[in-house]
Amino acid sequence: MEIEVLEKVDMNMRLLIRGADVPFINALRRTVITEVPCMAIDEVVIIENSSVLQDETIAHRLGLIPLKTDLDGYNLPEECPCKSEFGCNLCRVSLTLDVESKEGTRTVYSGEFISENPDIVPVSDKIPIVKLAKEQKLKLEAYARLGKGKKHAKWQPVSMCTYKFLPQIRIDSKRCDACGKCVEVCSRKVLVKAGDRIEIRDLMPCTLCQDCVDVCPQNPPAVDVSWDENTFILNLESAGALPPERIMSEAVKILDKQLKEFVRQIKVKKSEKS
């Protein structure tokens, strides 16, 4: 297997993976979404709430605020030595919010949370929580824990993780008259007209929609769009809890561990039968 990093920015990563197949890539994608843990608010204690939103609505909104995560400093609740349903400083982080609108209407933002751990805070300070009218108040304590996306979507470390086959586009220069219709129909600007020729400008944005093939006036079309069944483009967009490269490395570790356990159980069952 060969892996090439096509793009890497703060929240996004795009990989070109050669020598793989659909089952493996899909298993990796599902592991990223459902198995890689991250922090999210799990319990909320409302001390005072005179806003127009009910306590349950506010608690739900808080749970969906992505939090920066320290995977090395905290345990999953089910794996923590404390074995307590309330948690401890190794598996739980407390965040408090105490705001009041003294003059006019104001919006309460995620940046107003005070966390007992400055490393576990909302990924953005500008996520709106609730609007308070004059003399309304909101005071609460929230408790964040590590969790996995298979239990609830708020614990998914990514906002998007997709893959597609690597496109392959062939243009028959002998039959193509460079009419330009395939260039005009392509919304992703994959093709470009260069003089009396049609050329591939950038292959990666191609979505394999086949519009360029359908619009070609030649019979059969002078443009052929296919894909490499053993090469994939994997796109990953972090929600901000973890860097995309950490998400991918954790997913690989988890998938490897699961496969080893699967093989071990097969050997156990085989030995039992024999």
C-alpha atoms as a PDB file:
ATOM      1  CA  MET A   1       0.000   0.000   0.000  1.00  0.00           C
ATOM      2  CA  GLU A   2       1.230   3.481  -0.889  1.00  0.00           C
ATOM      3  CA  ILE A   3      -0.066   6.644   0.799  1.00  0.00           C
ATOM      4  CA  GLU A   4       0.450  10.182  -0.449  1.00  0.00           C
ATOM      5  CA  VAL A   5      -0.716  13.326   1.345  1.00  0.00           C
ATOM      6  CA  LEU A   6      -2.415  15.474  -1.275  1.00  0.00           C
ATOM      7  CA  GLU A   7      -3.513  18.237   1.078  1.00  0.00           C
ATOM      8  CA  LYS A   8      -3.025  19.029   4.755  1.00  0.00           C
ATOM      9  CA  VAL A   9      -4.350  22.121   6.520  1.00  0.00           C
ATOM     10  CA  ASP A  10      -5.505  22.765  10.092  1.00  0.00           C
ATOM     11  CA  MET A  11      -8.847  20.954   9.878  1.00  0.00           C
ATOM     12  CA  ASN A  12      -8.655  19.027   6.602  1.00  0.00           C
ATOM     13  CA  MET A  13      -6.562  16.247   5.174  1.00  0.00           C
ATOM     14  CA  ARG A  14      -6.761  14.521   1.793  1.00  0.00           C
ATOM     15  CA  LEU A  15      -4.899  11.286   1.107  1.00  0.00           C
ATOM     16  CA  LEU A  16      -4.207   9.291  -2.041  1.00  0.00           C
ATOM     17  CA  ILE A  17      -4.121   5.593  -1.128  1.00  0.00           C
ATOM     18  CA  ARG A  18      -2.874   3.060  -3.681  1.00  0.00           C
ATOM     19  CA  GLY A  19      -2.987  -0.716  -3.420  1.00  0.00           C
ATOM     20  CA  ALA A  20      -6.088  -0.940  -1.207  1.00  0.00           C
ATOM     21  CA  ASP A  21      -9.637  -2.183  -1.731  1.00  0.00           C
ATOM     22  CA  VAL A  22     -13.138  -1.011  -0.833  1.00  0.00           C
ATOM     23  CA  PRO A  23     -13.586  -3.195   2.315  1.00  0.00           C
ATOM     24  CA  PHE A  24     -10.387  -1.830   3.877  1.00  0.00           C
ATOM     25  CA  ILE A  25     -11.041   1.822   3.010  1.00  0.00           C
ATOM     26  CA  ASN A  26     -14.639   1.618   4.221  1.00  0.00           C
ATOM     27  CA  ALA A  27     -13.541  -0.083   7.458  1.00  0.00           C
ATOM     28  CA  LEU A  28     -11.050   2.745   8.006  1.00  0.00           C
ATOM     29  CA  ARG A  29     -13.720   5.363   7.315  1.00  0.00           C
ATOM     30  CA  ARG A  30     -16.194   3.760   9.715  1.00  0.00           C
ATOM     31  CA  THR A  31     -13.498   3.478  12.396  1.00  0.00           C
ATOM     32  CA  VAL A  32     -12.752   7.193  12.071  1.00  0.00           C
ATOM     33  CA  ILE A  33     -16.434   8.071  12.530  1.00  0.00           C
ATOM     34  CA  THR A  34     -17.470   5.605  15.232  1.00  0.00           C
ATOM     35  CA  GLU A  35     -14.397   4.464  17.184  1.00  0.00           C
ATOM     36  CA  VAL A  36     -11.946   7.357  17.602  1.00  0.00           C
ATOM     37  CA  PRO A  37     -12.829   8.986  20.957  1.00  0.00           C
ATOM     38  CA  CYS A  38     -13.095  12.706  21.645  1.00  0.00           C
ATOM     39  CA  MET A  39     -14.433  14.985  24.385  1.00  0.00           C
ATOM     40  CA  ALA A  40     -18.030  16.193  24.557  1.00  0.00           C
ATOM     41  CA  ILE A  41     -20.310  17.509  27.275  1.00  0.00           C
ATOM     42  CA  ASP A  42     -22.226  14.538  28.655  1.00  0.00           C
ATOM     43  CA  GLU A  43     -24.002  15.900  31.746  1.00  0.00           C
ATOM     44  CA  VAL A  44     -25.301  19.362  32.583  1.00  0.00           C
ATOM     45  CA  VAL A  45     -26.472  20.631  35.955  1.00  0.00           C
ATOM     46  CA  ILE A  46     -28.669  23.720  35.509  1.00  0.00           C
ATOM     47  CA  ILE A  47     -28.422  25.918  38.595  1.00  0.00           C
ATOM     48  CA  GLU A  48     -30.409  28.865  37.282  1.00  0.00           C
ATOM     49  CA  ASN A  49     -32.096  29.415  33.930  1.00  0.00           C
ATOM     50  CA  SER A  50     -34.468  32.285  33.295  1.00  0.00           C
ATOM     51  CA  SER A  51     -33.973  32.275  29.503  1.00  0.00           C
ATOM     52  CA  VAL A  52     -36.690  31.332  27.013  1.00  0.00           C
ATOM     53  CA  LEU A  53     -35.041  27.965  26.298  1.00  0.00           C
ATOM     54  CA  GLN A  54     -35.845  24.926  28.400  1.00  0.00           C
ATOM     55  CA  ASP A  55     -33.095  23.224  30.424  1.00  0.00           C
ATOM     56  CA  GLU A  56     -33.148  20.159  28.151  1.00  0.00           C
ATOM     57  CA  THR A  57     -32.734  22.278  25.014  1.00  0.00           C
ATOM     58  CA  ILE A  58     -29.733  24.088  26.431  1.00  0.00           C
ATOM     59  CA  ALA A  59     -28.163  20.807  27.579  1.00  0.00           C
ATOM     60  CA  HIS A  60     -28.628  19.360  24.089  1.00  0.00           C
ATOM     61  CA  ARG A  61     -27.002  22.399  22.467  1.00  0.00           C
ATOM     62  CA  LEU A  62     -24.045  22.220  24.860  1.00  0.00           C
ATOM     63  CA  GLY A  63     -23.489  18.543  24.037  1.00  0.00           C
ATOM     64  CA  LEU A  64     -23.036  19.388  20.361  1.00  0.00           C
ATOM     65  CA  ILE A  65     -20.291  21.988  20.967  1.00  0.00           C
ATOM     66  CA  PRO A  66     -17.009  20.355  19.861  1.00  0.00           C
ATOM     67  CA  LEU A  67     -14.297  20.443  22.534  1.00  0.00           C
ATOM     68  CA  LYS A  68     -10.555  20.305  22.112  1.00  0.00           C
ATOM     69  CA  THR A  69      -9.427  16.866  23.259  1.00  0.00           C
ATOM     70  CA  ASP A  70      -6.405  15.512  25.112  1.00  0.00           C
ATOM     71  CA  LEU A  71      -6.438  11.780  24.382  1.00  0.00           C
ATOM     72  CA  ASP A  72      -3.234  11.154  26.325  1.00  0.00           C
ATOM     73  CA  GLY A  73      -4.407  12.817  29.533  1.00  0.00           C
ATOM     74  CA  TYR A  74      -7.858  11.231  29.959  1.00  0.00           C
ATOM     75  CA  ASN A  75      -9.414   7.773  30.042  1.00  0.00           C
ATOM     76  CA  LEU A  76     -12.655   6.541  28.603  1.00  0.00           C
ATOM     77  CA  PRO A  77     -15.153   6.347  31.509  1.00  0.00           C
ATOM     78  CA  GLU A  78     -15.499   2.565  31.137  1.00  0.00           C
ATOM     79  CA  GLU A  79     -11.707   2.154  31.253  1.00  0.00           C
ATOM     80  CA  CYS A  80     -10.960   4.568  34.101  1.00  0.00           C
ATOM     81  CA  PRO A  81      -9.611   3.018  37.350  1.00  0.00           C
ATOM     82  CA  CYS A  82     -12.056   5.117  39.406  1.00  0.00           C
ATOM     83  CA  LYS A  83     -15.012   2.976  38.238  1.00  0.00           C
ATOM     84  CA  SER A  84     -17.316   5.779  39.370  1.00  0.00           C
ATOM     85  CA  GLU A  85     -20.446   6.918  37.595  1.00  0.00           C
ATOM     86  CA  PHE A  86     -19.558  10.497  38.569  1.00  0.00           C
ATOM     87  CA  GLY A  87     -16.029  10.275  37.198  1.00  0.00           C
ATOM     88  CA  CYS A  88     -12.736  11.693  38.417  1.00  0.00           C
ATOM     89  CA  ASN A  89     -10.030  14.064  37.198  1.00  0.00           C
ATOM     90  CA  LEU A  90      -8.738  11.297  34.909  1.00  0.00           C
ATOM     91  CA  CYS A  91     -11.989  10.822  32.992  1.00  0.00           C
ATOM     92  CA  ARG A  92     -14.052  13.984  33.503  1.00  0.00           C
ATOM     93  CA  VAL A  93     -13.633  17.722  32.951  1.00  0.00           C
ATOM     94  CA  SER A  94     -15.843  20.331  34.582  1.00  0.00           C
ATOM     95  CA  LEU A  95     -16.891  23.503  32.743  1.00  0.00           C
ATOM     96  CA  THR A  96     -18.924  26.291  34.313  1.00  0.00           C
ATOM     97  CA  LEU A  97     -21.040  29.048  32.810  1.00  0.00           C
ATOM     98  CA  ASP A  98     -22.409  31.992  34.797  1.00  0.00           C
ATOM     99  CA  VAL A  99     -23.817  34.817  32.674  1.00  0.00           C
ATOM    100  CA  GLU A 100     -26.454  37.516  33.090  1.00  0.00           C
ATOM    101  CA  SER A 101     -27.875  40.162  30.787  1.00  0.00           C
ATOM    102  CA  LYS A 102     -27.916  43.391  32.770  1.00  0.00           C
ATOM    103  CA  GLU A 103     -28.705  45.776  29.941  1.00  0.00           C
ATOM    104  CA  GLY A 104     -30.636  44.826  26.794  1.00  0.00           C
ATOM    105  CA  THR A 105     -30.464  41.562  24.875  1.00  0.00           C
ATOM    106  CA  ARG A 106     -27.182  39.650  24.648  1.00  0.00           C
ATOM    107  CA  THR A 107     -26.020  36.369  23.118  1.00  0.00           C
ATOM    108  CA  VAL A 108     -24.174  33.854  25.255  1.00  0.00           C
ATOM    109  CA  TYR A 109     -21.244  32.273  23.397  1.00  0.00           C
ATOM    110  CA  SER A 110     -19.146  29.171  23.952  1.00  0.00           C
ATOM    111  CA  GLY A 111     -16.111  31.332  24.753  1.00  0.00           C
ATOM    112  CA  GLU A 112     -17.729  32.269  28.073  1.00  0.00           C
ATOM    113  CA  PHE A 113     -17.246  28.758  29.471  1.00  0.00           C
ATOM    114  CA  ILE A 114     -14.671  28.461  32.249  1.00  0.00           C
ATOM    115  CA  SER A 115     -12.945  25.063  32.154  1.00  0.00           C
ATOM    116  CA  GLU A 116     -10.991  23.474  34.992  1.00  0.00           C
ATOM    117  CA  ASN A 117      -8.523  22.343  32.311  1.00  0.00           C
ATOM    118  CA  PRO A 118      -7.469  25.143  29.923  1.00  0.00           C
ATOM    119  CA  ASP A 119      -6.664  22.506  27.286  1.00  0.00           C
ATOM    120  CA  ILE A 120     -10.274  21.216  27.209  1.00  0.00           C
ATOM    121  CA  VAL A 121     -12.277  24.142  25.846  1.00  0.00           C
ATOM    122  CA  PRO A 122     -14.683  24.721  22.922  1.00  0.00           C
ATOM    123  CA  VAL A 123     -12.910  24.688  19.565  1.00  0.00           C
ATOM    124  CA  SER A 124     -14.451  28.093  18.811  1.00  0.00           C
ATOM    125  CA  ASP A 125     -15.344  30.993  21.100  1.00  0.00           C
ATOM    126  CA  LYS A 126     -18.126  32.149  18.778  1.00  0.00           C
ATOM    127  CA  ILE A 127     -20.640  29.279  18.994  1.00  0.00           C
ATOM    128  CA  PRO A 128     -23.972  30.793  20.156  1.00  0.00           C
ATOM    129  CA  ILE A 129     -25.707  29.018  23.029  1.00  0.00           C
ATOM    130  CA  VAL A 130     -28.708  31.170  23.965  1.00  0.00           C
ATOM    131  CA  LYS A 131     -29.982  34.741  23.838  1.00  0.00           C
ATOM    132  CA  LEU A 132     -30.754  36.460  27.121  1.00  0.00           C
ATOM    133  CA  ALA A 133     -33.126  39.396  27.508  1.00  0.00           C
ATOM    134  CA  LYS A 134     -32.624  42.057  30.159  1.00  0.00           C
ATOM    135  CA  GLU A 135     -32.292  40.596  33.679  1.00  0.00           C
ATOM    136  CA  GLN A 136     -32.308  36.995  32.413  1.00  0.00           C
ATOM    137  CA  LYS A 137     -29.595  34.688  33.747  1.00  0.00           C
ATOM    138  CA  LEU A 138     -28.008  31.334  32.977  1.00  0.00           C
ATOM    139  CA  LYS A 139     -25.847  29.492  35.477  1.00  0.00           C
ATOM    140  CA  LEU A 140     -24.769  25.877  35.046  1.00  0.00           C
ATOM    141  CA  GLU A 141     -22.080  23.250  35.446  1.00  0.00           C
ATOM    142  CA  ALA A 142     -21.237  20.943  32.555  1.00  0.00           C
ATOM    143  CA  TYR A 143     -19.206  17.740  32.666  1.00  0.00           C
ATOM    144  CA  ALA A 144     -17.291  16.568  29.598  1.00  0.00           C
ATOM    145  CA  ARG A 145     -16.110  13.009  29.031  1.00  0.00           C
ATOM    146  CA  LEU A 146     -14.450  10.988  26.325  1.00  0.00           C
ATOM    147  CA  GLY A 147     -16.837   8.985  24.172  1.00  0.00           C
ATOM    148  CA  LYS A 148     -17.206   7.337  20.782  1.00  0.00           C
ATOM    149  CA  GLY A 149     -19.362   8.218  17.807  1.00  0.00           C
ATOM    150  CA  LYS A 150     -21.051   4.815  17.833  1.00  0.00           C
ATOM    151  CA  LYS A 151     -22.778   5.881  21.060  1.00  0.00           C
ATOM    152  CA  HIS A 152     -23.726   9.424  20.030  1.00  0.00           C
ATOM    153  CA  ALA A 153     -22.912  11.746  17.128  1.00  0.00           C
ATOM    154  CA  LYS A 154     -21.572  14.414  19.522  1.00  0.00           C
ATOM    155  CA  TRP A 155     -18.536  12.169  20.043  1.00  0.00           C
ATOM    156  CA  GLN A 156     -17.658  11.992  16.358  1.00  0.00           C
ATOM    157  CA  PRO A 157     -14.247  13.674  15.886  1.00  0.00           C
ATOM    158  CA  VAL A 158     -14.975  14.480  12.236  1.00  0.00           C
ATOM    159  CA  SER A 159     -17.621  16.488  10.448  1.00  0.00           C
ATOM    160  CA  MET A 160     -16.874  14.596   7.217  1.00  0.00           C
ATOM    161  CA  CYS A 161     -14.967  11.476   6.187  1.00  0.00           C
ATOM    162  CA  THR A 162     -15.482  10.245   2.632  1.00  0.00           C
ATOM    163  CA  TYR A 163     -13.638   8.411  -0.102  1.00  0.00           C
ATOM    164  CA  LYS A 164     -13.885   7.934  -3.844  1.00  0.00           C
ATOM    165  CA  PHE A 165     -12.057   6.016  -6.539  1.00  0.00           C
ATOM    166  CA  LEU A 166      -9.226   7.808  -8.306  1.00  0.00           C
ATOM    167  CA  PRO A 167     -10.755   9.053 -11.592  1.00  0.00           C
ATOM    168  CA  GLN A 168      -9.258   8.120 -14.951  1.00  0.00           C
ATOM    169  CA  ILE A 169     -10.098  10.279 -17.968  1.00  0.00           C
ATOM    170  CA  ARG A 170      -9.044   9.451 -21.508  1.00  0.00           C
ATOM    171  CA  ILE A 171      -9.570  11.760 -24.484  1.00  0.00           C
ATOM    172  CA  ASP A 172      -9.338  10.295 -27.983  1.00  0.00           C
ATOM    173  CA  SER A 173      -7.453  13.063 -29.768  1.00  0.00           C
ATOM    174  CA  LYS A 174      -8.122  11.497 -33.184  1.00  0.00           C
ATOM    175  CA  ARG A 175     -11.918  11.751 -32.842  1.00  0.00           C
ATOM    176  CA  CYS A 176     -12.198  14.787 -30.547  1.00  0.00           C
ATOM    177  CA  ASP A 177     -12.919  17.974 -32.546  1.00  0.00           C
ATOM    178  CA  ALA A 178     -12.409  20.220 -29.466  1.00  0.00           C
ATOM    179  CA  CYS A 179     -15.961  21.553 -29.592  1.00  0.00           C
ATOM    180  CA  GLY A 180     -15.659  22.437 -25.909  1.00  0.00           C
ATOM    181  CA  LYS A 181     -19.039  21.105 -24.761  1.00  0.00           C
ATOM    182  CA  CYS A 182     -17.391  18.776 -22.218  1.00  0.00           C
ATOM    183  CA  VAL A 183     -15.483  21.761 -20.798  1.00  0.00           C
ATOM    184  CA  GLU A 184     -18.649  23.849 -20.462  1.00  0.00           C
ATOM    185  CA  VAL A 185     -20.703  21.126 -18.751  1.00  0.00           C
ATOM    186  CA  CYS A 186     -18.068  20.258 -16.132  1.00  0.00           C
ATOM    187  CA  SER A 187     -18.858  22.229 -12.963  1.00  0.00           C
ATOM    188  CA  ARG A 188     -15.602  21.114 -11.330  1.00  0.00           C
ATOM    189  CA  LYS A 189     -13.448  22.541 -14.152  1.00  0.00           C
ATOM    190  CA  VAL A 190     -11.597  19.257 -14.658  1.00  0.00           C
ATOM    191  CA  LEU A 191     -11.166  19.807 -18.398  1.00  0.00           C
ATOM    192  CA  VAL A 192      -9.838  22.814 -20.253  1.00  0.00           C
ATOM    193  CA  LYS A 193      -9.748  23.801 -23.948  1.00  0.00           C
ATOM    194  CA  ALA A 194      -6.214  24.527 -25.110  1.00  0.00           C
ATOM    195  CA  GLY A 195      -6.284  25.677 -28.737  1.00  0.00           C
ATOM    196  CA  ASP A 196      -7.572  22.803 -30.849  1.00  0.00           C
ATOM    197  CA  ARG A 197      -7.272  20.255 -28.020  1.00  0.00           C
ATOM    198  CA  ILE A 198      -9.139  19.285 -24.867  1.00  0.00           C
ATOM    199  CA  GLU A 199      -6.801  18.679 -21.924  1.00  0.00           C
ATOM    200  CA  ILE A 200      -7.159  17.589 -18.314  1.00  0.00           C
ATOM    201  CA  ARG A 201      -6.600  20.585 -16.047  1.00  0.00           C
ATOM    202  CA  ASP A 202      -6.958  18.843 -12.665  1.00  0.00           C
ATOM    203  CA  LEU A 203      -8.057  15.231 -12.234  1.00  0.00           C
ATOM    204  CA  MET A 204      -8.682  15.257  -8.465  1.00  0.00           C
ATOM    205  CA  PRO A 205     -11.949  17.274  -8.354  1.00  0.00           C
ATOM    206  CA  CYS A 206     -13.651  14.858 -10.795  1.00  0.00           C
ATOM    207  CA  THR A 207     -16.797  13.302  -9.260  1.00  0.00           C
ATOM    208  CA  LEU A 208     -17.211  10.616 -11.952  1.00  0.00           C
ATOM    209  CA  CYS A 209     -20.564  12.135 -12.919  1.00  0.00           C
ATOM    210  CA  GLN A 210     -20.097  11.223 -16.614  1.00  0.00           C
ATOM    211  CA  ASP A 211     -21.648  14.529 -17.786  1.00  0.00           C
ATOM    212  CA  CYS A 212     -18.718  15.156 -20.108  1.00  0.00           C
ATOM    213  CA  VAL A 213     -19.289  11.746 -21.692  1.00  0.00           C
ATOM    214  CA  ASP A 214     -23.028  12.299 -22.114  1.00  0.00           C
ATOM    215  CA  VAL A 215     -22.628  15.720 -23.750  1.00  0.00           C
ATOM    216  CA  CYS A 216     -19.963  14.650 -26.258  1.00  0.00           C
ATOM    217  CA  PRO A 217     -21.484  14.788 -29.796  1.00  0.00           C
ATOM    218  CA  GLN A 218     -19.224  12.014 -31.092  1.00  0.00           C
ATOM    219  CA  ASN A 219     -20.551   8.464 -31.320  1.00  0.00           C
ATOM    220  CA  PRO A 220     -19.054   6.736 -29.434  1.00  0.00           C
ATOM    221  CA  PRO A 221     -17.951   9.644 -27.191  1.00  0.00           C
ATOM    222  CA  ALA A 222     -14.377  10.853 -27.569  1.00  0.00           C
ATOM    223  CA  VAL A 223     -14.196  11.226 -23.770  1.00  0.00           C
ATOM    224  CA  ASP A 224     -14.012   8.178 -21.531  1.00  0.00           C
ATOM    225  CA  VAL A 225     -14.340   8.421 -17.724  1.00  0.00           C
ATOM    226  CA  SER A 226     -13.507   5.439 -15.517  1.00  0.00           C
ATOM    227  CA  TRP A 227     -11.728   4.787 -12.221  1.00  0.00           C
ATOM    228  CA  ASP A 228      -8.914   2.802 -10.648  1.00  0.00           C
ATOM    229  CA  GLU A 229     -10.514   0.184  -8.364  1.00  0.00           C
ATOM    230  CA  ASN A 230      -7.372  -0.083  -6.208  1.00  0.00           C
ATOM    231  CA  THR A 231      -6.671   3.623  -5.718  1.00  0.00           C
ATOM    232  CA  PHE A 232      -8.723   5.947  -3.502  1.00  0.00           C
ATOM    233  CA  ILE A 233      -8.914   9.591  -2.502  1.00  0.00           C
ATOM    234  CA  LEU A 234      -9.800   9.811   1.199  1.00  0.00           C
ATOM    235  CA  ASN A 235     -11.072  13.154   2.531  1.00  0.00           C
ATOM    236  CA  LEU A 236     -11.172  13.846   6.254  1.00  0.00           C
ATOM    237  CA  GLU A 237     -12.445  17.014   7.924  1.00  0.00           C
ATOM    238  CA  SER A 238     -11.902  17.328  11.665  1.00  0.00           C
ATOM    239  CA  ALA A 239     -14.558  18.960  13.833  1.00  0.00           C
ATOM    240  CA  GLY A 240     -11.690  20.581  15.751  1.00  0.00           C
ATOM    241  CA  ALA A 241     -11.410  18.187  18.697  1.00  0.00           C
ATOM    242  CA  LEU A 242      -8.279  16.529  17.287  1.00  0.00           C
ATOM    243  CA  PRO A 243      -5.901  17.288  14.406  1.00  0.00           C
ATOM    244  CA  PRO A 244      -6.806  15.250  11.294  1.00  0.00           C
ATOM    245  CA  GLU A 245      -3.482  13.372  11.318  1.00  0.00           C
ATOM    246  CA  ARG A 246      -4.078  12.294  14.956  1.00  0.00           C
ATOM    247  CA  ILE A 247      -7.581  11.110  14.058  1.00  0.00           C
ATOM    248  CA  MET A 248      -6.211   8.992  11.219  1.00  0.00           C
ATOM    249  CA  SER A 249      -3.371   7.507  13.284  1.00  0.00           C
ATOM    250  CA  GLU A 250      -5.779   6.603  16.112  1.00  0.00           C
ATOM    251  CA  ALA A 251      -8.176   5.007  13.629  1.00  0.00           C
ATOM    252  CA  VAL A 252      -5.389   2.849  12.202  1.00  0.00           C
ATOM    253  CA  LYS A 253      -4.349   1.728  15.706  1.00  0.00           C
ATOM    254  CA  ILE A 254      -7.931   0.874  16.658  1.00  0.00           C
ATOM    255  CA  LEU A 255      -8.598  -0.991  13.410  1.00  0.00           C
ATOM    256  CA  ASP A 256      -5.363  -2.965  13.793  1.00  0.00           C
ATOM    257  CA  LYS A 257      -6.312  -3.899  17.362  1.00  0.00           C
ATOM    258  CA  GLN A 258      -9.790  -5.003  16.302  1.00  0.00           C
ATOM    259  CA  LEU A 259      -8.421  -7.161  13.468  1.00  0.00           C
ATOM    260  CA  LYS A 260      -5.933  -8.853  15.803  1.00  0.00           C
ATOM    261  CA  GLU A 261      -8.740  -9.582  18.268  1.00  0.00           C
ATOM    262  CA  PHE A 262     -10.856 -10.963  15.414  1.00  0.00           C
ATOM    263  CA  VAL A 263      -8.042 -13.309  14.375  1.00  0.00           C
ATOM    264  CA  ARG A 264      -7.539 -14.384  18.007  1.00  0.00           C
ATOM    265  CA  GLN A 265     -11.213 -15.265  18.425  1.00  0.00           C
ATOM    266  CA  ILE A 266     -11.180 -17.264  15.178  1.00  0.00           C
ATOM    267  CA  LYS A 267      -8.242 -19.296  16.477  1.00  0.00           C
ATOM    268  CA  VAL A 268     -10.020 -19.863  19.808  1.00  0.00           C
ATOM    269  CA  LYS A 269     -13.199 -21.069  18.112  1.00  0.00           C
ATOM    270  CA  LYS A 270     -11.194 -23.310  15.802  1.00  0.00           C
ATOM    271  CA  SER A 271      -9.324 -24.894  18.700  1.00  0.00           C
ATOM    272  CA  GLU A 272     -12.608 -25.457  20.591  1.00  0.00           C
ATOM    273  CA  LYS A 273     -14.111 -27.318  17.646  1.00  0.00           C
ATOM    274  CA  SER A 274     -11.036 -29.502  17.190  1.00  0.00           C
END
